[in-house]
Each structure stands twice: as structure tokens, then as C-alpha cells.
PDB file of all heavy atoms in Angstrom:
ATOM      1  N   PRO A   1      58.412  29.425  -4.965  1.00  0.00           N
ATOM      2  CA  PRO A   1      57.868  30.751  -5.211  1.00  0.00           C
ATOM      3  C   PRO A   1      56.373  30.823  -4.972  1.00  0.00           C
ATOM      4  O   PRO A   1      55.663  29.812  -5.031  1.00  0.00           O
ATOM      5  CB  PRO A   1      58.187  30.961  -6.691  1.00  0.00           C
ATOM      6  CG  PRO A   1      59.302  30.070  -6.994  1.00  0.00           C
ATOM      7  CD  PRO A   1      59.110  28.869  -6.108  1.00  0.00           C
ATOM      8  N   LYS A   2      55.885  32.026  -4.694  1.00  0.00           N
ATOM      9  CA  LYS A   2      54.452  32.227  -4.410  1.00  0.00           C
ATOM     10  C   LYS A   2      53.627  32.204  -5.687  1.00  0.00           C
ATOM     11  O   LYS A   2      52.402  32.141  -5.601  1.00  0.00           O
ATOM     12  CB  LYS A   2      54.281  33.586  -3.714  1.00  0.00           C
ATOM     13  CG  LYS A   2      54.926  33.610  -2.340  1.00  0.00           C
ATOM     14  CD  LYS A   2      54.826  34.996  -1.715  1.00  0.00           C
ATOM     15  CE  LYS A   2      55.603  35.012  -0.433  1.00  0.00           C
ATOM     16  NZ  LYS A   2      55.778  36.344   0.091  1.00  0.00           N
ATOM     17  N   GLY A   3      54.252  32.257  -6.830  1.00  0.00           N
ATOM     18  CA  GLY A   3      53.513  32.215  -8.083  1.00  0.00           C
ATOM     19  C   GLY A   3      54.439  32.396  -9.263  1.00  0.00           C
ATOM     20  O   GLY A   3      55.612  32.683  -9.136  1.00  0.00           O
ATOM     21  N   PHE A   4      53.835  32.233 -10.466  1.00  0.00           N
ATOM     22  CA  PHE A   4      54.591  32.300 -11.729  1.00  0.00           C
ATOM     23  C   PHE A   4      53.849  33.139 -12.761  1.00  0.00           C
ATOM     24  O   PHE A   4      52.619  33.207 -12.751  1.00  0.00           O
ATOM     25  CB  PHE A   4      54.815  30.892 -12.247  1.00  0.00           C
ATOM     26  CG  PHE A   4      55.466  29.977 -11.260  1.00  0.00           C
ATOM     27  CD1 PHE A   4      54.701  29.194 -10.407  1.00  0.00           C
ATOM     28  CD2 PHE A   4      56.867  29.936 -11.152  1.00  0.00           C
ATOM     29  CE1 PHE A   4      55.306  28.348  -9.485  1.00  0.00           C
ATOM     30  CE2 PHE A   4      57.446  29.106 -10.221  1.00  0.00           C
ATOM     31  CZ  PHE A   4      56.666  28.305  -9.378  1.00  0.00           C
ATOM     32  N   ARG A   5      54.624  33.728 -13.648  1.00  0.00           N
ATOM     33  CA  ARG A   5      54.072  34.527 -14.758  1.00  0.00           C
ATOM     34  C   ARG A   5      54.890  34.249 -16.018  1.00  0.00           C
ATOM     35  O   ARG A   5      56.053  33.851 -15.897  1.00  0.00           O
ATOM     36  CB  ARG A   5      54.120  36.033 -14.478  1.00  0.00           C
ATOM     37  CG  ARG A   5      53.378  36.492 -13.275  1.00  0.00           C
ATOM     38  CD  ARG A   5      53.528  37.983 -13.034  1.00  0.00           C
ATOM     39  NE  ARG A   5      53.084  38.309 -11.717  1.00  0.00           N
ATOM     40  CZ  ARG A   5      51.812  38.337 -11.324  1.00  0.00           C
ATOM     41  NH1 ARG A   5      50.876  38.099 -12.176  1.00  0.00           N
ATOM     42  NH2 ARG A   5      51.496  38.662 -10.090  1.00  0.00           N
ATOM     43  N   VAL A   6      54.313  34.527 -17.150  1.00  0.00           N
ATOM     44  CA  VAL A   6      55.066  34.524 -18.402  1.00  0.00           C
ATOM     45  C   VAL A   6      55.447  35.938 -18.701  1.00  0.00           C
ATOM     46  O   VAL A   6      54.636  36.852 -18.648  1.00  0.00           O
ATOM     47  CB  VAL A   6      54.195  33.942 -19.555  1.00  0.00           C
ATOM     48  CG1 VAL A   6      54.933  34.063 -20.860  1.00  0.00           C
ATOM     49  CG2 VAL A   6      53.812  32.509 -19.282  1.00  0.00           C
ATOM     50  N   ARG A   7      56.766  36.162 -18.954  1.00  0.00           N
ATOM     51  CA  ARG A   7      57.280  37.445 -19.293  1.00  0.00           C
ATOM     52  C   ARG A   7      57.669  37.435 -20.760  1.00  0.00           C
ATOM     53  O   ARG A   7      58.225  36.430 -21.235  1.00  0.00           O
ATOM     54  CB  ARG A   7      58.509  37.782 -18.423  1.00  0.00           C
ATOM     55  CG  ARG A   7      59.068  39.169 -18.631  1.00  0.00           C
ATOM     56  CD  ARG A   7      60.149  39.456 -17.638  1.00  0.00           C
ATOM     57  NE  ARG A   7      61.303  38.571 -17.858  1.00  0.00           N
ATOM     58  CZ  ARG A   7      62.301  38.435 -17.012  1.00  0.00           C
ATOM     59  NH1 ARG A   7      62.332  39.133 -15.887  1.00  0.00           N
ATOM     60  NH2 ARG A   7      63.323  37.625 -17.299  1.00  0.00           N
ATOM     61  N   TYR A   8      57.408  38.517 -21.500  1.00  0.00           N
ATOM     62  CA  TYR A   8      57.620  38.513 -22.966  1.00  0.00           C
ATOM     63  C   TYR A   8      57.762  39.919 -23.521  1.00  0.00           C
ATOM     64  O   TYR A   8      57.493  40.894 -22.828  1.00  0.00           O
ATOM     65  CB  TYR A   8      56.431  37.837 -23.658  1.00  0.00           C
ATOM     66  CG  TYR A   8      55.105  38.526 -23.334  1.00  0.00           C
ATOM     67  CD1 TYR A   8      54.674  39.599 -24.111  1.00  0.00           C
ATOM     68  CD2 TYR A   8      54.349  38.134 -22.223  1.00  0.00           C
ATOM     69  CE1 TYR A   8      53.497  40.258 -23.769  1.00  0.00           C
ATOM     70  CE2 TYR A   8      53.166  38.802 -21.914  1.00  0.00           C
ATOM     71  CZ  TYR A   8      52.757  39.838 -22.691  1.00  0.00           C
ATOM     72  OH  TYR A   8      51.602  40.493 -22.378  1.00  0.00           O
ATOM     73  N   HIS A   9      58.168  39.967 -24.783  1.00  0.00           N
ATOM     74  CA  HIS A   9      58.146  41.192 -25.564  1.00  0.00           C
ATOM     75  C   HIS A   9      57.082  40.976 -26.658  1.00  0.00           C
ATOM     76  O   HIS A   9      57.126  39.924 -27.335  1.00  0.00           O
ATOM     77  CB  HIS A   9      59.480  41.484 -26.268  1.00  0.00           C
ATOM     78  CG  HIS A   9      60.518  42.008 -25.336  1.00  0.00           C
ATOM     79  ND1 HIS A   9      61.491  41.203 -24.768  1.00  0.00           N
ATOM     80  CD2 HIS A   9      60.720  43.261 -24.873  1.00  0.00           C
ATOM     81  CE1 HIS A   9      62.248  41.950 -24.002  1.00  0.00           C
ATOM     82  NE2 HIS A   9      61.814  43.192 -24.035  1.00  0.00           N
ATOM     83  N   LEU A  10      56.189  41.912 -26.845  1.00  0.00           N
ATOM     84  CA  LEU A  10      55.132  41.807 -27.857  1.00  0.00           C
ATOM     85  C   LEU A  10      55.389  42.835 -28.962  1.00  0.00           C
ATOM     86  O   LEU A  10      55.580  44.034 -28.660  1.00  0.00           O
ATOM     87  CB  LEU A  10      53.773  42.065 -27.215  1.00  0.00           C
ATOM     88  CG  LEU A  10      52.575  42.102 -28.137  1.00  0.00           C
ATOM     89  CD1 LEU A  10      52.335  40.685 -28.706  1.00  0.00           C
ATOM     90  CD2 LEU A  10      51.342  42.594 -27.412  1.00  0.00           C
ATOM     91  N   ARG A  11      55.427  42.388 -30.168  1.00  0.00           N
ATOM     92  CA  ARG A  11      55.611  43.291 -31.309  1.00  0.00           C
ATOM     93  C   ARG A  11      54.305  44.053 -31.539  1.00  0.00           C
ATOM     94  O   ARG A  11      53.226  43.417 -31.619  1.00  0.00           O
ATOM     95  CB  ARG A  11      56.005  42.517 -32.574  1.00  0.00           C
ATOM     96  CG  ARG A  11      56.140  43.349 -33.802  1.00  0.00           C
ATOM     97  CD  ARG A  11      57.471  44.079 -33.805  1.00  0.00           C
ATOM     98  NE  ARG A  11      57.706  44.667 -35.082  1.00  0.00           N
ATOM     99  CZ  ARG A  11      58.049  45.936 -35.216  1.00  0.00           C
ATOM    100  NH1 ARG A  11      58.222  46.733 -34.188  1.00  0.00           N
ATOM    101  NH2 ARG A  11      58.228  46.439 -36.417  1.00  0.00           N
ATOM    102  N   THR A  12      54.343  45.384 -31.607  1.00  0.00           N
ATOM    103  CA  THR A  12      53.196  46.190 -31.895  1.00  0.00           C
ATOM    104  C   THR A  12      53.402  46.966 -33.194  1.00  0.00           C
ATOM    105  O   THR A  12      54.460  46.841 -33.820  1.00  0.00           O
ATOM    106  CB  THR A  12      52.899  47.189 -30.741  1.00  0.00           C
ATOM    107  OG1 THR A  12      53.988  48.135 -30.718  1.00  0.00           O
ATOM    108  CG2 THR A  12      52.800  46.478 -29.401  1.00  0.00           C
ATOM    109  N   GLU A  13      52.431  47.784 -33.567  1.00  0.00           N
ATOM    110  CA  GLU A  13      52.580  48.610 -34.783  1.00  0.00           C
ATOM    111  C   GLU A  13      53.736  49.606 -34.666  1.00  0.00           C
ATOM    112  O   GLU A  13      54.311  49.991 -35.631  1.00  0.00           O
ATOM    113  CB  GLU A  13      51.283  49.376 -35.030  1.00  0.00           C
ATOM    114  CG  GLU A  13      50.074  48.528 -35.325  1.00  0.00           C
ATOM    115  CD  GLU A  13      50.105  47.960 -36.725  1.00  0.00           C
ATOM    116  OE1 GLU A  13      50.781  48.479 -37.597  1.00  0.00           O
ATOM    117  OE2 GLU A  13      49.403  46.935 -36.919  1.00  0.00           O
ATOM    118  N   THR A  14      54.052  50.034 -33.411  1.00  0.00           N
ATOM    119  CA  THR A  14      55.041  51.107 -33.208  1.00  0.00           C
ATOM    120  C   THR A  14      56.361  50.626 -32.598  1.00  0.00           C
ATOM    121  O   THR A  14      57.244  51.415 -32.399  1.00  0.00           O
ATOM    122  CB  THR A  14      54.454  52.190 -32.306  1.00  0.00           C
ATOM    123  OG1 THR A  14      54.067  51.587 -31.063  1.00  0.00           O
ATOM    124  CG2 THR A  14      53.258  52.852 -32.965  1.00  0.00           C
ATOM    125  N   GLY A  15      56.461  49.365 -32.277  1.00  0.00           N
ATOM    126  CA  GLY A  15      57.715  48.859 -31.641  1.00  0.00           C
ATOM    127  C   GLY A  15      57.427  47.615 -30.832  1.00  0.00           C
ATOM    128  O   GLY A  15      56.746  46.725 -31.299  1.00  0.00           O
ATOM    129  N   TYR A  16      57.923  47.598 -29.624  1.00  0.00           N
ATOM    130  CA  TYR A  16      57.747  46.452 -28.738  1.00  0.00           C
ATOM    131  C   TYR A  16      57.199  46.886 -27.378  1.00  0.00           C
ATOM    132  O   TYR A  16      57.541  47.962 -26.903  1.00  0.00           O
ATOM    133  CB  TYR A  16      59.096  45.743 -28.488  1.00  0.00           C
ATOM    134  CG  TYR A  16      59.651  45.113 -29.719  1.00  0.00           C
ATOM    135  CD1 TYR A  16      60.511  45.787 -30.540  1.00  0.00           C
ATOM    136  CD2 TYR A  16      59.296  43.818 -30.068  1.00  0.00           C
ATOM    137  CE1 TYR A  16      60.999  45.236 -31.673  1.00  0.00           C
ATOM    138  CE2 TYR A  16      59.808  43.203 -31.224  1.00  0.00           C
ATOM    139  CZ  TYR A  16      60.678  43.926 -32.003  1.00  0.00           C
ATOM    140  OH  TYR A  16      61.162  43.358 -33.141  1.00  0.00           O
ATOM    141  N   GLU A  17      56.371  46.065 -26.788  1.00  0.00           N
ATOM    142  CA  GLU A  17      55.893  46.272 -25.458  1.00  0.00           C
ATOM    143  C   GLU A  17      56.359  45.116 -24.602  1.00  0.00           C
ATOM    144  O   GLU A  17      56.359  43.970 -25.027  1.00  0.00           O
ATOM    145  CB  GLU A  17      54.359  46.379 -25.414  1.00  0.00           C
ATOM    146  CG  GLU A  17      53.853  47.644 -26.042  1.00  0.00           C
ATOM    147  CD  GLU A  17      52.331  47.791 -25.895  1.00  0.00           C
ATOM    148  OE1 GLU A  17      51.700  46.936 -25.205  1.00  0.00           O
ATOM    149  OE2 GLU A  17      51.807  48.742 -26.467  1.00  0.00           O
ATOM    150  N   PHE A  18      56.756  45.418 -23.402  1.00  0.00           N
ATOM    151  CA  PHE A  18      57.203  44.429 -22.426  1.00  0.00           C
ATOM    152  C   PHE A  18      56.031  44.066 -21.579  1.00  0.00           C
ATOM    153  O   PHE A  18      55.312  44.954 -21.128  1.00  0.00           O
ATOM    154  CB  PHE A  18      58.327  45.087 -21.587  1.00  0.00           C
ATOM    155  CG  PHE A  18      58.990  44.161 -20.640  1.00  0.00           C
ATOM    156  CD1 PHE A  18      59.867  43.187 -21.105  1.00  0.00           C
ATOM    157  CD2 PHE A  18      58.762  44.277 -19.272  1.00  0.00           C
ATOM    158  CE1 PHE A  18      60.507  42.362 -20.203  1.00  0.00           C
ATOM    159  CE2 PHE A  18      59.411  43.469 -18.391  1.00  0.00           C
ATOM    160  CZ  PHE A  18      60.262  42.485 -18.865  1.00  0.00           C
ATOM    161  N   GLY A  19      55.752  42.797 -21.400  1.00  0.00           N
ATOM    162  CA  GLY A  19      54.578  42.452 -20.620  1.00  0.00           C
ATOM    163  C   GLY A  19      54.680  41.160 -19.856  1.00  0.00           C
ATOM    164  O   GLY A  19      55.654  40.421 -19.958  1.00  0.00           O
ATOM    165  N   TYR A  20      53.625  40.940 -19.069  1.00  0.00           N
ATOM    166  CA  TYR A  20      53.501  39.736 -18.252  1.00  0.00           C
ATOM    167  C   TYR A  20      52.108  39.153 -18.450  1.00  0.00           C
ATOM    168  O   TYR A  20      51.139  39.887 -18.653  1.00  0.00           O
ATOM    169  CB  TYR A  20      53.623  40.049 -16.790  1.00  0.00           C
ATOM    170  CG  TYR A  20      55.004  40.532 -16.388  1.00  0.00           C
ATOM    171  CD1 TYR A  20      55.316  41.882 -16.415  1.00  0.00           C
ATOM    172  CD2 TYR A  20      55.970  39.657 -15.938  1.00  0.00           C
ATOM    173  CE1 TYR A  20      56.558  42.361 -16.024  1.00  0.00           C
ATOM    174  CE2 TYR A  20      57.234  40.108 -15.558  1.00  0.00           C
ATOM    175  CZ  TYR A  20      57.514  41.454 -15.597  1.00  0.00           C
ATOM    176  OH  TYR A  20      58.757  41.882 -15.234  1.00  0.00           O
ATOM    177  N   SER A  21      52.009  37.856 -18.345  1.00  0.00           N
ATOM    178  CA  SER A  21      50.712  37.185 -18.354  1.00  0.00           C
ATOM    179  C   SER A  21      50.760  36.102 -17.272  1.00  0.00           C
ATOM    180  O   SER A  21      51.614  35.227 -17.330  1.00  0.00           O
ATOM    181  CB  SER A  21      50.411  36.562 -19.705  1.00  0.00           C
ATOM    182  OG  SER A  21      49.140  36.012 -19.703  1.00  0.00           O
ATOM    183  N   PRO A  22      49.869  36.162 -16.308  1.00  0.00           N
ATOM    184  CA  PRO A  22      48.943  37.232 -16.017  1.00  0.00           C
ATOM    185  C   PRO A  22      49.680  38.525 -15.660  1.00  0.00           C
ATOM    186  O   PRO A  22      50.793  38.489 -15.250  1.00  0.00           O
ATOM    187  CB  PRO A  22      48.127  36.681 -14.822  1.00  0.00           C
ATOM    188  CG  PRO A  22      48.852  35.505 -14.299  1.00  0.00           C
ATOM    189  CD  PRO A  22      49.814  35.073 -15.297  1.00  0.00           C
ATOM    190  N   PRO A  23      48.952  39.655 -15.819  1.00  0.00           N
ATOM    191  CA  PRO A  23      49.562  40.944 -15.510  1.00  0.00           C
ATOM    192  C   PRO A  23      50.004  41.033 -14.050  1.00  0.00           C
ATOM    193  O   PRO A  23      49.527  40.234 -13.201  1.00  0.00           O
ATOM    194  CB  PRO A  23      48.439  41.951 -15.758  1.00  0.00           C
ATOM    195  CG  PRO A  23      47.434  41.229 -16.588  1.00  0.00           C
ATOM    196  CD  PRO A  23      47.570  39.785 -16.268  1.00  0.00           C
ATOM    197  N   LEU A  24      50.893  41.951 -13.747  1.00  0.00           N
ATOM    198  CA  LEU A  24      51.408  42.091 -12.401  1.00  0.00           C
ATOM    199  C   LEU A  24      50.376  42.388 -11.349  1.00  0.00           C
ATOM    200  O   LEU A  24      50.527  42.037 -10.176  1.00  0.00           O
ATOM    201  CB  LEU A  24      52.523  43.184 -12.379  1.00  0.00           C
ATOM    202  CG  LEU A  24      53.776  42.815 -13.161  1.00  0.00           C
ATOM    203  CD1 LEU A  24      54.727  43.979 -13.158  1.00  0.00           C
ATOM    204  CD2 LEU A  24      54.440  41.579 -12.596  1.00  0.00           C
ATOM    205  N   ASP A  25      49.255  43.020 -11.748  1.00  0.00           N
ATOM    206  CA  ASP A  25      48.210  43.344 -10.763  1.00  0.00           C
ATOM    207  C   ASP A  25      47.195  42.196 -10.626  1.00  0.00           C
ATOM    208  O   ASP A  25      46.213  42.352  -9.868  1.00  0.00           O
ATOM    209  CB  ASP A  25      47.522  44.654 -11.133  1.00  0.00           C
ATOM    210  CG  ASP A  25      46.867  44.599 -12.511  1.00  0.00           C
ATOM    211  OD1 ASP A  25      47.053  43.637 -13.270  1.00  0.00           O
ATOM    212  OD2 ASP A  25      46.153  45.594 -12.842  1.00  0.00           O
ATOM    213  N   ALA A  26      47.406  41.082 -11.296  1.00  0.00           N
ATOM    214  CA  ALA A  26      46.503  39.931 -11.200  1.00  0.00           C
ATOM    215  C   ALA A  26      47.189  38.803 -10.401  1.00  0.00           C
ATOM    216  O   ALA A  26      48.388  38.806 -10.204  1.00  0.00           O
ATOM    217  CB  ALA A  26      46.166  39.447 -12.599  1.00  0.00           C
ATOM    218  N   THR A  27      46.409  37.864  -9.969  1.00  0.00           N
ATOM    219  CA  THR A  27      46.944  36.710  -9.252  1.00  0.00           C
ATOM    220  C   THR A  27      47.820  35.872 -10.188  1.00  0.00           C
ATOM    221  O   THR A  27      47.413  35.566 -11.297  1.00  0.00           O
ATOM    222  CB  THR A  27      45.766  35.839  -8.752  1.00  0.00           C
ATOM    223  OG1 THR A  27      44.936  36.653  -7.932  1.00  0.00           O
ATOM    224  CG2 THR A  27      46.302  34.657  -7.961  1.00  0.00           C
ATOM    225  N   PRO A  28      49.031  35.553  -9.735  1.00  0.00           N
ATOM    226  CA  PRO A  28      49.926  34.726 -10.557  1.00  0.00           C
ATOM    227  C   PRO A  28      49.438  33.282 -10.662  1.00  0.00           C
ATOM    228  O   PRO A  28      48.577  32.850  -9.856  1.00  0.00           O
ATOM    229  CB  PRO A  28      51.265  34.806  -9.849  1.00  0.00           C
ATOM    230  CG  PRO A  28      50.925  35.082  -8.452  1.00  0.00           C
ATOM    231  CD  PRO A  28      49.648  35.904  -8.474  1.00  0.00           C
ATOM    232  N   MET A  29      49.987  32.550 -11.601  1.00  0.00           N
ATOM    233  CA  MET A  29      49.645  31.128 -11.711  1.00  0.00           C
ATOM    234  C   MET A  29      50.401  30.382 -10.590  1.00  0.00           C
ATOM    235  O   MET A  29      51.443  30.819 -10.140  1.00  0.00           O
ATOM    236  CB  MET A  29      50.103  30.628 -13.093  1.00  0.00           C
ATOM    237  CG  MET A  29      49.369  31.371 -14.215  1.00  0.00           C
ATOM    238  SD  MET A  29      49.952  30.901 -15.860  1.00  0.00           S
ATOM    239  CE  MET A  29      48.907  29.494 -16.145  1.00  0.00           C
ATOM    240  N   ASN A  30      49.827  29.296 -10.122  1.00  0.00           N
ATOM    241  CA  ASN A  30      50.434  28.591  -8.988  1.00  0.00           C
ATOM    242  C   ASN A  30      51.295  27.399  -9.333  1.00  0.00           C
ATOM    243  O   ASN A  30      51.875  26.794  -8.458  1.00  0.00           O
ATOM    244  CB  ASN A  30      49.339  28.185  -7.974  1.00  0.00           C
ATOM    245  CG  ASN A  30      48.349  27.202  -8.564  1.00  0.00           C
ATOM    246  OD1 ASN A  30      48.505  26.748  -9.688  1.00  0.00           O
ATOM    247  ND2 ASN A  30      47.339  26.889  -7.798  1.00  0.00           N
ATOM    248  N   SER A  31      51.399  27.058 -10.615  1.00  0.00           N
ATOM    249  CA  SER A  31      52.182  25.900 -11.033  1.00  0.00           C
ATOM    250  C   SER A  31      53.212  26.299 -12.091  1.00  0.00           C
ATOM    251  O   SER A  31      52.853  26.861 -13.115  1.00  0.00           O
ATOM    252  CB  SER A  31      51.269  24.813 -11.579  1.00  0.00           C
ATOM    253  OG  SER A  31      52.003  23.875 -12.297  1.00  0.00           O
ATOM    254  N   ASP A  32      54.474  25.972 -11.863  1.00  0.00           N
ATOM    255  CA  ASP A  32      55.487  26.259 -12.877  1.00  0.00           C
ATOM    256  C   ASP A  32      55.240  25.396 -14.110  1.00  0.00           C
ATOM    257  O   ASP A  32      55.460  25.868 -15.242  1.00  0.00           O
ATOM    258  CB  ASP A  32      56.899  26.045 -12.344  1.00  0.00           C
ATOM    259  CG  ASP A  32      57.203  24.646 -11.909  1.00  0.00           C
ATOM    260  OD1 ASP A  32      56.402  24.012 -11.205  1.00  0.00           O
ATOM    261  OD2 ASP A  32      58.292  24.147 -12.267  1.00  0.00           O
ATOM    262  N   VAL A  33      54.762  24.186 -13.965  1.00  0.00           N
ATOM    263  CA  VAL A  33      54.524  23.295 -15.123  1.00  0.00           C
ATOM    264  C   VAL A  33      53.438  23.908 -16.003  1.00  0.00           C
ATOM    265  O   VAL A  33      53.583  24.026 -17.215  1.00  0.00           O
ATOM    266  CB  VAL A  33      54.149  21.867 -14.675  1.00  0.00           C
ATOM    267  CG1 VAL A  33      53.746  21.023 -15.883  1.00  0.00           C
ATOM    268  CG2 VAL A  33      55.320  21.257 -13.895  1.00  0.00           C
ATOM    269  N   THR A  34      52.349  24.320 -15.405  1.00  0.00           N
ATOM    270  CA  THR A  34      51.247  24.946 -16.141  1.00  0.00           C
ATOM    271  C   THR A  34      51.707  26.219 -16.822  1.00  0.00           C
ATOM    272  O   THR A  34      51.353  26.512 -17.970  1.00  0.00           O
ATOM    273  CB  THR A  34      50.040  25.229 -15.193  1.00  0.00           C
ATOM    274  OG1 THR A  34      49.632  24.025 -14.578  1.00  0.00           O
ATOM    275  CG2 THR A  34      48.901  25.887 -15.933  1.00  0.00           C
ATOM    276  N   THR A  35      52.505  27.019 -16.121  1.00  0.00           N
ATOM    277  CA  THR A  35      52.972  28.289 -16.661  1.00  0.00           C
ATOM    278  C   THR A  35      53.912  28.022 -17.838  1.00  0.00           C
ATOM    279  O   THR A  35      53.849  28.748 -18.865  1.00  0.00           O
ATOM    280  CB  THR A  35      53.683  29.128 -15.586  1.00  0.00           C
ATOM    281  OG1 THR A  35      52.814  29.218 -14.450  1.00  0.00           O
ATOM    282  CG2 THR A  35      53.961  30.529 -16.074  1.00  0.00           C
ATOM    283  N   TRP A  36      54.761  27.024 -17.784  1.00  0.00           N
ATOM    284  CA  TRP A  36      55.650  26.690 -18.880  1.00  0.00           C
ATOM    285  C   TRP A  36      54.865  26.222 -20.080  1.00  0.00           C
ATOM    286  O   TRP A  36      55.144  26.569 -21.234  1.00  0.00           O
ATOM    287  CB  TRP A  36      56.704  25.679 -18.487  1.00  0.00           C
ATOM    288  CG  TRP A  36      57.932  26.279 -17.941  1.00  0.00           C
ATOM    289  CD1 TRP A  36      58.372  26.252 -16.675  1.00  0.00           C
ATOM    290  CD2 TRP A  36      58.868  27.074 -18.655  1.00  0.00           C
ATOM    291  NE1 TRP A  36      59.560  26.969 -16.565  1.00  0.00           N
ATOM    292  CE2 TRP A  36      59.853  27.497 -17.747  1.00  0.00           C
ATOM    293  CE3 TRP A  36      58.961  27.514 -19.983  1.00  0.00           C
ATOM    294  CZ2 TRP A  36      60.947  28.289 -18.130  1.00  0.00           C
ATOM    295  CZ3 TRP A  36      60.061  28.284 -20.371  1.00  0.00           C
ATOM    296  CH2 TRP A  36      60.999  28.684 -19.439  1.00  0.00           C
ATOM    297  N   ARG A  37      53.829  25.404 -19.847  1.00  0.00           N
ATOM    298  CA  ARG A  37      52.990  24.953 -20.974  1.00  0.00           C
ATOM    299  C   ARG A  37      52.280  26.135 -21.621  1.00  0.00           C
ATOM    300  O   ARG A  37      52.140  26.201 -22.835  1.00  0.00           O
ATOM    301  CB  ARG A  37      51.959  23.924 -20.462  1.00  0.00           C
ATOM    302  CG  ARG A  37      52.554  22.595 -20.082  1.00  0.00           C
ATOM    303  CD  ARG A  37      53.093  21.804 -21.257  1.00  0.00           C
ATOM    304  NE  ARG A  37      51.979  21.464 -22.136  1.00  0.00           N
ATOM    305  CZ  ARG A  37      52.112  21.192 -23.443  1.00  0.00           C
ATOM    306  NH1 ARG A  37      53.295  21.192 -23.979  1.00  0.00           N
ATOM    307  NH2 ARG A  37      51.102  20.866 -24.162  1.00  0.00           N
ATOM    308  N   TYR A  38      51.799  27.037 -20.790  1.00  0.00           N
ATOM    309  CA  TYR A  38      51.142  28.258 -21.304  1.00  0.00           C
ATOM    310  C   TYR A  38      52.121  29.080 -22.130  1.00  0.00           C
ATOM    311  O   TYR A  38      51.757  29.564 -23.224  1.00  0.00           O
ATOM    312  CB  TYR A  38      50.607  29.064 -20.094  1.00  0.00           C
ATOM    313  CG  TYR A  38      49.946  30.363 -20.423  1.00  0.00           C
ATOM    314  CD1 TYR A  38      48.819  30.431 -21.209  1.00  0.00           C
ATOM    315  CD2 TYR A  38      50.459  31.548 -19.913  1.00  0.00           C
ATOM    316  CE1 TYR A  38      48.211  31.683 -21.499  1.00  0.00           C
ATOM    317  CE2 TYR A  38      49.876  32.762 -20.182  1.00  0.00           C
ATOM    318  CZ  TYR A  38      48.764  32.803 -20.972  1.00  0.00           C
ATOM    319  OH  TYR A  38      48.155  34.024 -21.238  1.00  0.00           O
ATOM    320  N   ALA A  39      53.343  29.240 -21.652  1.00  0.00           N
ATOM    321  CA  ALA A  39      54.367  29.985 -22.410  1.00  0.00           C
ATOM    322  C   ALA A  39      54.628  29.338 -23.755  1.00  0.00           C
ATOM    323  O   ALA A  39      54.731  30.016 -24.810  1.00  0.00           O
ATOM    324  CB  ALA A  39      55.667  30.078 -21.596  1.00  0.00           C
ATOM    325  N   TRP A  40      54.742  28.026 -23.773  1.00  0.00           N
ATOM    326  CA  TRP A  40      54.987  27.283 -25.018  1.00  0.00           C
ATOM    327  C   TRP A  40      53.825  27.504 -25.999  1.00  0.00           C
ATOM    328  O   TRP A  40      54.040  27.720 -27.159  1.00  0.00           O
ATOM    329  CB  TRP A  40      55.172  25.809 -24.694  1.00  0.00           C
ATOM    330  CG  TRP A  40      55.443  24.994 -25.911  1.00  0.00           C
ATOM    331  CD1 TRP A  40      56.681  24.813 -26.512  1.00  0.00           C
ATOM    332  CD2 TRP A  40      54.492  24.219 -26.679  1.00  0.00           C
ATOM    333  NE1 TRP A  40      56.518  23.970 -27.611  1.00  0.00           N
ATOM    334  CE2 TRP A  40      55.208  23.613 -27.730  1.00  0.00           C
ATOM    335  CE3 TRP A  40      53.158  24.002 -26.570  1.00  0.00           C
ATOM    336  CZ2 TRP A  40      54.590  22.790 -28.649  1.00  0.00           C
ATOM    337  CZ3 TRP A  40      52.514  23.190 -27.506  1.00  0.00           C
ATOM    338  CH2 TRP A  40      53.255  22.603 -28.522  1.00  0.00           C
ATOM    339  N   LYS A  41      52.585  27.452 -25.495  1.00  0.00           N
ATOM    340  CA  LYS A  41      51.441  27.655 -26.367  1.00  0.00           C
ATOM    341  C   LYS A  41      51.371  29.080 -26.913  1.00  0.00           C
ATOM    342  O   LYS A  41      51.040  29.270 -28.088  1.00  0.00           O
ATOM    343  CB  LYS A  41      50.142  27.336 -25.619  1.00  0.00           C
ATOM    344  CG  LYS A  41      50.003  25.835 -25.401  1.00  0.00           C
ATOM    345  CD  LYS A  41      48.733  25.506 -24.591  1.00  0.00           C
ATOM    346  CE  LYS A  41      48.611  24.013 -24.387  1.00  0.00           C
ATOM    347  NZ  LYS A  41      47.360  23.624 -23.720  1.00  0.00           N
ATOM    348  N   LEU A  42      51.767  30.092 -26.099  1.00  0.00           N
ATOM    349  CA  LEU A  42      51.838  31.456 -26.628  1.00  0.00           C
ATOM    350  C   LEU A  42      52.839  31.552 -27.769  1.00  0.00           C
ATOM    351  O   LEU A  42      52.602  32.195 -28.785  1.00  0.00           O
ATOM    352  CB  LEU A  42      52.211  32.445 -25.515  1.00  0.00           C
ATOM    353  CG  LEU A  42      51.130  32.737 -24.473  1.00  0.00           C
ATOM    354  CD1 LEU A  42      51.712  33.558 -23.329  1.00  0.00           C
ATOM    355  CD2 LEU A  42      49.962  33.464 -25.109  1.00  0.00           C
TER     356      LEU A  42
END
């Protein structure tokens, strides 16, 4: 793949928001290993 992102649901005061990190308009991460470690830390 050309890049990787973390996809998640975030609990807010009013419900849930669906999101990505890095956001879709930003450059994705280039390593699946780094992205998985980042997901685990989140």
C-alpha cells in the first residue's frame, strides 16, 4: 500500500465521531509496523 492510517471511533460529549489519524487530507504513515504501534499507544 501507498500508506497507512489509524481508523477509530472517538467518544464525544454528544455521541461518536469516526476519524482517521493522520487525517485523510494529510500524508499517510509509510510503515504498517509504526502505524500498528501508534494504534496500540492510542
